[in-house]
């Protein structure tokens, strides 16, 4: 058996590829927001409990950083005390009320 030499692909494949690339680029551009948003500001509330034993806080901080730097959102982080004289529901409600004001 002789060695097979690789033949160049016909130009039609290259043209098809270039056309597909243009279509993908156009679809991406259409999907990106290019109009002014319908909101003036966006705020993000990050919450975790004080007894975080599964390592949520570093993940929360990383996500908050993305919201701040990439999206320029206002980000607030609240730690809800796990052990207090009020119910968990009341502590969460207080956190939400503070954030919304």
N, C-alpha and C. Protein backbone atom coordinates (compact mmCIF):
# COMPACT_ATOMS: atom_id res chain seq x y z
N UNK A 1 0.83 -1.18 0.00
CA UNK A 1 0.00 0.00 0.00
C UNK A 1 0.87 1.23 0.00
N UNK A 2 0.52 2.13 -0.85
CA UNK A 2 1.26 3.37 -0.91
C UNK A 2 0.75 4.34 0.13
N UNK A 3 1.52 5.31 0.39
CA UNK A 3 1.07 6.30 1.38
C UNK A 3 0.07 7.24 0.72
N UNK A 4 -0.96 7.54 1.45
CA UNK A 4 -2.00 8.42 0.94
C UNK A 4 -1.56 9.87 1.15
N UNK A 5 -1.72 10.64 0.14
CA UNK A 5 -1.42 12.06 0.29
C UNK A 5 -2.73 12.79 0.51
N UNK A 6 -2.67 13.74 1.36
CA UNK A 6 -3.87 14.49 1.69
C UNK A 6 -4.11 15.55 0.62
N UNK A 7 -5.27 15.50 0.06
CA UNK A 7 -5.63 16.45 -0.98
C UNK A 7 -6.25 17.68 -0.34
N UNK A 8 -5.96 18.85 -0.89
CA UNK A 8 -6.60 20.05 -0.34
C UNK A 8 -8.12 19.99 -0.52
N UNK A 9 -8.82 20.49 0.44
CA UNK A 9 -10.29 20.51 0.36
C UNK A 9 -10.73 21.50 -0.72
N UNK A 10 -11.78 21.18 -1.39
CA UNK A 10 -12.28 22.12 -2.39
C UNK A 10 -12.66 23.45 -1.74
N UNK A 11 -12.57 24.49 -2.48
CA UNK A 11 -12.84 25.84 -1.99
C UNK A 11 -14.27 25.97 -1.47
N UNK A 12 -15.18 25.18 -1.96
CA UNK A 12 -16.58 25.28 -1.52
C UNK A 12 -16.71 25.04 -0.01
N UNK A 13 -15.91 24.14 0.55
CA UNK A 13 -15.96 23.89 1.99
C UNK A 13 -15.52 25.14 2.76
N UNK A 14 -14.50 25.80 2.27
CA UNK A 14 -14.01 27.01 2.92
C UNK A 14 -15.08 28.10 2.87
N UNK A 15 -15.74 28.24 1.73
CA UNK A 15 -16.79 29.24 1.60
C UNK A 15 -17.96 28.93 2.53
N UNK A 16 -18.33 27.64 2.63
CA UNK A 16 -19.39 27.24 3.55
C UNK A 16 -19.01 27.56 4.99
N UNK A 17 -17.77 27.29 5.33
CA UNK A 17 -17.29 27.56 6.69
C UNK A 17 -17.34 29.05 6.98
N UNK A 18 -16.88 29.87 6.04
CA UNK A 18 -16.88 31.32 6.23
C UNK A 18 -18.31 31.85 6.36
N UNK A 19 -19.23 31.31 5.57
CA UNK A 19 -20.63 31.72 5.64
C UNK A 19 -21.22 31.34 7.00
N UNK A 20 -20.91 30.15 7.47
CA UNK A 20 -21.40 29.71 8.78
C UNK A 20 -20.83 30.59 9.88
N UNK A 21 -19.57 30.95 9.77
CA UNK A 21 -18.95 31.83 10.76
C UNK A 21 -19.64 33.18 10.79
N UNK A 22 -19.94 33.73 9.63
CA UNK A 22 -20.65 35.02 9.57
C UNK A 22 -22.04 34.90 10.22
N UNK A 23 -22.74 33.81 9.95
CA UNK A 23 -24.07 33.61 10.53
C UNK A 23 -24.00 33.52 12.05
N UNK A 24 -22.99 32.84 12.55
CA UNK A 24 -22.83 32.72 14.01
C UNK A 24 -22.54 34.09 14.60
N UNK A 25 -21.63 34.84 13.98
CA UNK A 25 -21.32 36.19 14.46
C UNK A 25 -22.56 37.08 14.49
N UNK A 26 -23.36 37.01 13.43
CA UNK A 26 -24.58 37.82 13.37
C UNK A 26 -25.55 37.41 14.48
N UNK A 27 -25.69 36.13 14.71
CA UNK A 27 -26.60 35.64 15.76
C UNK A 27 -26.13 36.12 17.13
N UNK A 28 -24.83 36.08 17.37
CA UNK A 28 -24.30 36.55 18.65
C UNK A 28 -24.58 38.03 18.82
N UNK A 29 -24.33 38.82 17.78
CA UNK A 29 -24.56 40.26 17.87
C UNK A 29 -26.03 40.58 18.10
N UNK A 30 -26.92 39.82 17.51
CA UNK A 30 -28.35 40.04 17.72
C UNK A 30 -28.76 39.68 19.14
N UNK A 31 -28.06 38.74 19.74
CA UNK A 31 -28.39 38.31 21.09
C UNK A 31 -27.83 39.21 22.17
N UNK A 32 -26.85 40.03 21.82
CA UNK A 32 -26.25 40.93 22.80
C UNK A 32 -27.10 42.18 22.94
N UNK A 33 -27.22 42.68 24.16
CA UNK A 33 -28.02 43.89 24.35
C UNK A 33 -27.31 45.09 23.73
N UNK A 34 -27.98 45.79 22.84
CA UNK A 34 -27.39 46.97 22.23
C UNK A 34 -28.25 48.20 22.45
N UNK A 35 -29.37 48.02 23.08
CA UNK A 35 -30.25 49.14 23.39
C UNK A 35 -30.07 49.51 24.86
N UNK A 36 -30.51 50.69 25.18
CA UNK A 36 -30.42 51.12 26.58
C UNK A 36 -31.31 50.23 27.43
N UNK A 37 -30.84 49.82 28.59
CA UNK A 37 -31.67 48.96 29.45
C UNK A 37 -32.88 49.72 29.99
N UNK A 38 -33.86 48.96 30.42
CA UNK A 38 -35.09 49.55 30.96
C UNK A 38 -34.97 49.91 32.43
N UNK A 39 -33.80 49.88 32.98
CA UNK A 39 -33.61 50.15 34.40
C UNK A 39 -32.45 51.12 34.58
N UNK A 40 -32.52 51.87 35.68
CA UNK A 40 -31.46 52.84 35.98
C UNK A 40 -30.32 52.18 36.75
N UNK A 41 -30.67 51.37 37.71
CA UNK A 41 -29.66 50.68 38.52
C UNK A 41 -30.11 49.26 38.80
N UNK A 42 -29.14 48.43 39.12
CA UNK A 42 -29.43 47.05 39.52
C UNK A 42 -28.70 46.82 40.83
N UNK A 43 -29.40 46.22 41.77
CA UNK A 43 -28.80 45.91 43.06
C UNK A 43 -28.89 44.40 43.29
N UNK A 44 -27.84 43.86 43.87
CA UNK A 44 -27.77 42.43 44.14
C UNK A 44 -27.58 42.25 45.63
N UNK A 45 -28.38 41.39 46.21
CA UNK A 45 -28.26 41.07 47.64
C UNK A 45 -27.68 39.67 47.77
N UNK A 46 -26.52 39.59 48.41
CA UNK A 46 -25.87 38.31 48.67
C UNK A 46 -26.07 38.01 50.15
N UNK A 47 -26.59 36.84 50.46
CA UNK A 47 -26.91 36.46 51.85
C UNK A 47 -26.30 35.11 52.16
N UNK A 48 -25.72 35.02 53.35
CA UNK A 48 -25.35 33.70 53.86
C UNK A 48 -25.49 33.72 55.38
N UNK A 49 -25.62 32.54 55.94
CA UNK A 49 -25.77 32.40 57.38
C UNK A 49 -24.41 32.42 58.06
N UNK A 50 -24.39 32.89 59.28
CA UNK A 50 -23.12 33.01 60.02
C UNK A 50 -22.49 31.65 60.31
N UNK A 51 -23.29 30.61 60.34
CA UNK A 51 -22.74 29.28 60.62
C UNK A 51 -22.45 28.51 59.32
N UNK A 52 -21.99 29.21 58.32
CA UNK A 52 -21.66 28.61 57.02
C UNK A 52 -20.57 27.56 57.22
N UNK A 53 -20.94 26.31 57.11
CA UNK A 53 -19.94 25.24 57.28
C UNK A 53 -19.68 24.48 55.97
N UNK A 54 -20.22 25.02 54.87
CA UNK A 54 -19.99 24.37 53.58
C UNK A 54 -19.18 25.25 52.62
N UNK A 55 -18.68 26.37 53.11
CA UNK A 55 -17.81 27.21 52.30
C UNK A 55 -18.51 28.09 51.27
N UNK A 56 -19.67 28.60 51.63
CA UNK A 56 -20.42 29.46 50.72
C UNK A 56 -19.77 30.84 50.58
N UNK A 57 -19.21 31.34 51.64
CA UNK A 57 -18.72 32.72 51.63
C UNK A 57 -17.70 33.01 50.52
N UNK A 58 -16.67 32.18 50.30
CA UNK A 58 -15.74 32.49 49.21
C UNK A 58 -16.41 32.49 47.83
N UNK A 59 -17.36 31.60 47.63
CA UNK A 59 -18.09 31.56 46.36
C UNK A 59 -18.96 32.81 46.22
N UNK A 60 -19.58 33.20 47.32
CA UNK A 60 -20.40 34.41 47.32
C UNK A 60 -19.56 35.63 46.99
N UNK A 61 -18.38 35.72 47.58
CA UNK A 61 -17.49 36.85 47.32
C UNK A 61 -17.05 36.89 45.86
N UNK A 62 -16.75 35.73 45.29
CA UNK A 62 -16.34 35.67 43.89
C UNK A 62 -17.49 36.11 42.97
N UNK A 63 -18.69 35.63 43.25
CA UNK A 63 -19.84 36.01 42.44
C UNK A 63 -20.15 37.50 42.59
N UNK A 64 -20.04 38.01 43.80
CA UNK A 64 -20.26 39.44 44.04
C UNK A 64 -19.25 40.26 43.23
N UNK A 65 -18.03 39.78 43.16
CA UNK A 65 -17.01 40.47 42.37
C UNK A 65 -17.36 40.53 40.90
N UNK A 66 -17.92 39.45 40.38
CA UNK A 66 -18.36 39.43 38.98
C UNK A 66 -19.47 40.45 38.77
N UNK A 67 -20.45 40.48 39.67
CA UNK A 67 -21.54 41.45 39.55
C UNK A 67 -21.01 42.89 39.59
N UNK A 68 -20.04 43.14 40.48
CA UNK A 68 -19.49 44.50 40.61
C UNK A 68 -18.66 44.90 39.40
N UNK A 69 -17.70 44.07 39.03
CA UNK A 69 -16.74 44.46 38.00
C UNK A 69 -17.24 44.26 36.57
N UNK A 70 -17.90 43.17 36.32
CA UNK A 70 -18.34 42.89 34.94
C UNK A 70 -19.65 43.58 34.59
N UNK A 71 -20.56 43.66 35.56
CA UNK A 71 -21.88 44.21 35.28
C UNK A 71 -22.12 45.57 35.91
N UNK A 72 -21.21 46.00 36.80
CA UNK A 72 -21.32 47.29 37.48
C UNK A 72 -22.61 47.41 38.29
N UNK A 73 -23.01 46.30 38.92
CA UNK A 73 -24.18 46.29 39.78
C UNK A 73 -23.78 46.72 41.19
N UNK A 74 -24.72 47.30 41.88
CA UNK A 74 -24.54 47.59 43.30
C UNK A 74 -24.75 46.28 44.05
N UNK A 75 -23.77 45.89 44.86
CA UNK A 75 -23.84 44.60 45.56
C UNK A 75 -23.75 44.84 47.06
N UNK A 76 -24.66 44.23 47.78
CA UNK A 76 -24.62 44.24 49.24
C UNK A 76 -24.56 42.81 49.73
N UNK A 77 -23.74 42.60 50.75
CA UNK A 77 -23.61 41.28 51.36
C UNK A 77 -24.10 41.36 52.79
N UNK A 78 -24.93 40.42 53.17
CA UNK A 78 -25.43 40.36 54.54
C UNK A 78 -25.19 38.97 55.11
N UNK A 79 -24.75 38.98 56.35
CA UNK A 79 -24.59 37.73 57.08
C UNK A 79 -25.70 37.68 58.11
N UNK A 80 -26.51 36.65 58.03
CA UNK A 80 -27.62 36.49 58.98
C UNK A 80 -27.12 35.62 60.13
N UNK A 81 -27.28 36.13 61.32
CA UNK A 81 -26.84 35.38 62.49
C UNK A 81 -27.65 34.10 62.63
N UNK A 82 -26.96 33.01 62.77
CA UNK A 82 -27.62 31.71 62.84
C UNK A 82 -28.31 31.50 64.19
N UNK A 83 -27.72 32.05 65.21
CA UNK A 83 -28.27 31.85 66.55
C UNK A 83 -28.63 33.20 67.13
N UNK A 84 -29.92 33.45 67.25
CA UNK A 84 -30.39 34.72 67.79
C UNK A 84 -31.72 34.49 68.48
N UNK A 85 -32.23 35.55 69.09
CA UNK A 85 -33.48 35.45 69.83
C UNK A 85 -34.71 35.48 68.93
N UNK A 86 -34.53 35.79 67.66
CA UNK A 86 -35.66 35.86 66.73
C UNK A 86 -35.60 34.65 65.78
N UNK A 87 -36.71 34.39 65.13
CA UNK A 87 -36.77 33.24 64.22
C UNK A 87 -35.94 33.53 62.96
N UNK A 88 -35.56 32.47 62.28
CA UNK A 88 -34.80 32.61 61.04
C UNK A 88 -35.60 33.42 60.01
N UNK A 89 -36.89 33.19 59.97
CA UNK A 89 -37.74 33.92 59.04
C UNK A 89 -37.72 35.42 59.34
N UNK A 90 -37.80 35.77 60.61
CA UNK A 90 -37.76 37.19 60.99
C UNK A 90 -36.41 37.82 60.65
N UNK A 91 -35.34 37.10 60.86
CA UNK A 91 -34.01 37.63 60.53
C UNK A 91 -33.84 37.83 59.04
N UNK A 92 -34.35 36.89 58.25
CA UNK A 92 -34.29 37.02 56.81
C UNK A 92 -35.15 38.18 56.33
N UNK A 93 -36.35 38.32 56.89
CA UNK A 93 -37.23 39.43 56.53
C UNK A 93 -36.57 40.77 56.86
N UNK A 94 -35.91 40.85 58.00
CA UNK A 94 -35.22 42.09 58.38
C UNK A 94 -34.12 42.43 57.38
N UNK A 95 -33.40 41.43 56.98
CA UNK A 95 -32.34 41.62 55.99
C UNK A 95 -32.91 42.15 54.68
N UNK A 96 -34.00 41.58 54.22
CA UNK A 96 -34.65 42.01 52.98
C UNK A 96 -35.20 43.41 53.10
N UNK A 97 -35.79 43.73 54.25
CA UNK A 97 -36.31 45.09 54.46
C UNK A 97 -35.18 46.12 54.44
N UNK A 98 -34.09 45.81 55.08
CA UNK A 98 -32.94 46.73 55.12
C UNK A 98 -32.42 46.95 53.71
N UNK A 99 -32.34 45.91 52.95
CA UNK A 99 -31.82 45.98 51.58
C UNK A 99 -32.74 46.81 50.68
N UNK A 100 -34.03 46.67 50.85
CA UNK A 100 -34.99 47.31 49.96
C UNK A 100 -35.16 48.80 50.24
N UNK A 101 -34.66 49.26 51.35
CA UNK A 101 -34.83 50.70 51.69
C UNK A 101 -33.73 51.55 51.13
